[in-house]
Protein backbone atom coordinates (compact mmCIF):
# COMPACT_ATOMS: atom_id res chain seq x y z
CA MET A 1 79.49 6.03 246.62
CA LEU A 2 82.19 8.63 246.75
CA LEU A 3 84.54 7.57 244.04
CA SER A 4 87.70 7.71 245.85
CA THR A 5 86.49 5.97 249.03
CA GLY A 6 84.60 3.31 246.90
CA THR A 7 87.85 2.62 244.87
CA ALA A 8 89.93 2.37 248.01
CA TRP A 9 87.51 -0.09 249.55
CA ALA A 10 87.29 -2.15 246.39
CA LEU A 11 91.10 -2.35 246.05
CA PHE A 12 91.47 -3.27 249.70
CA ALA A 13 88.96 -6.01 249.26
CA LEU A 14 90.57 -7.38 246.17
CA ALA A 15 94.01 -7.31 247.94
CA GLN A 16 92.50 -9.48 250.65
CA ALA A 17 91.04 -11.95 248.02
CA PRO A 18 93.62 -12.77 245.32
CA GLU A 19 91.29 -15.37 243.67
CA ILE A 20 88.65 -12.79 243.13
CA GLN A 21 91.15 -10.35 241.98
CA SER A 22 92.45 -12.86 239.38
CA LYS A 23 88.92 -13.61 238.17
CA LEU A 24 88.10 -9.91 237.84
CA ARG A 25 91.34 -9.34 235.99
CA SER A 26 90.62 -12.06 233.57
CA GLU A 27 87.26 -10.62 232.81
CA LEU A 28 88.80 -7.13 232.29
CA LEU A 29 91.42 -8.50 230.00
CA GLU A 30 88.81 -9.86 227.62
CA VAL A 31 87.64 -6.36 226.91
CA SER A 32 89.24 -5.03 223.68
CA GLY A 33 89.27 -1.67 222.08
CA ASP A 34 90.76 1.73 222.94
CA GLU A 35 87.53 3.27 224.13
CA ILE A 36 85.56 1.49 226.73
CA THR A 37 81.80 2.48 226.85
CA MET A 38 79.31 2.23 229.58
CA ASP A 39 77.64 -0.59 227.65
CA THR A 40 80.95 -2.47 227.73
CA LEU A 41 81.25 -1.91 231.40
CA ASN A 42 77.61 -2.98 231.98
CA SER A 43 78.26 -6.15 230.23
CA LEU A 44 80.85 -7.41 232.62
CA PRO A 45 78.91 -9.44 235.17
CA TYR A 46 81.72 -10.07 237.60
CA LEU A 47 82.80 -6.46 237.71
CA ASP A 48 79.24 -5.61 238.45
CA ALA A 49 79.20 -8.18 241.31
CA VAL A 50 82.41 -6.80 242.72
CA VAL A 51 81.15 -3.21 242.73
CA ARG A 52 77.83 -4.12 244.21
CA GLU A 53 79.42 -6.24 247.03
CA THR A 54 81.88 -3.43 247.78
CA MET A 55 78.95 -1.02 248.05
CA ARG A 56 77.00 -3.54 250.24
CA LEU A 57 79.98 -4.05 252.68
CA HIS A 58 81.24 -0.49 252.76
CA ALA A 59 78.17 1.64 252.21
CA PRO A 60 79.04 5.08 251.07
CA VAL A 61 76.75 6.82 253.60
CA PRO A 62 76.42 4.62 256.71
CA ASN A 63 74.51 7.33 258.48
CA SER A 64 73.32 10.80 257.67
CA THR A 65 72.95 13.94 259.80
CA ARG A 66 69.66 15.70 259.75
CA ILE A 67 68.83 19.18 260.72
CA VAL A 68 65.48 20.06 262.21
CA LEU A 69 63.93 23.01 260.33
CA LYS A 70 60.85 23.38 262.62
CA ASP A 71 59.56 21.74 265.70
CA ASP A 72 56.84 19.03 265.56
CA PHE A 73 54.12 19.08 268.13
CA ILE A 74 52.10 16.08 269.27
CA PRO A 75 48.69 17.29 270.40
CA LEU A 76 47.87 15.69 273.76
CA SER A 77 44.46 17.29 274.09
CA ALA A 78 42.87 14.35 272.57
CA PRO A 79 43.59 10.59 272.85
CA ILE A 80 46.22 9.19 270.49
CA VAL A 81 44.79 6.61 267.93
CA GLY A 82 47.11 3.83 267.06
CA LYS A 83 47.34 1.90 263.72
CA ASP A 84 45.11 -0.74 265.17
CA GLY A 85 42.40 1.86 265.84
CA LYS A 86 42.73 1.75 269.73
CA LYS A 87 42.81 5.00 271.59
CA SER A 88 45.51 5.65 274.23
CA ASP A 89 45.96 8.54 276.61
CA SER A 90 49.71 8.29 276.77
CA LEU A 91 52.59 7.94 274.42
CA LEU A 92 53.81 4.77 276.11
């Protein structure tokens, strides 16, 4: 997820749900120490749930653009064999 976009969506969602925001804030206030490590962040289940739900609802890449590097050709000189093993003379 793009960090700024993901953060914006998370903050928007938390602003819409004050009870979730309060529960997350309570969990974060339990963390002590000057330096927070990844192990500390990974040990916060509610933070993990909030991040995952934000990513689920607001996917970082809802679609992707693809560029064809070369043409594909479907040989129609022979019948097409489907997954079920049946032969067909047309694509439809």
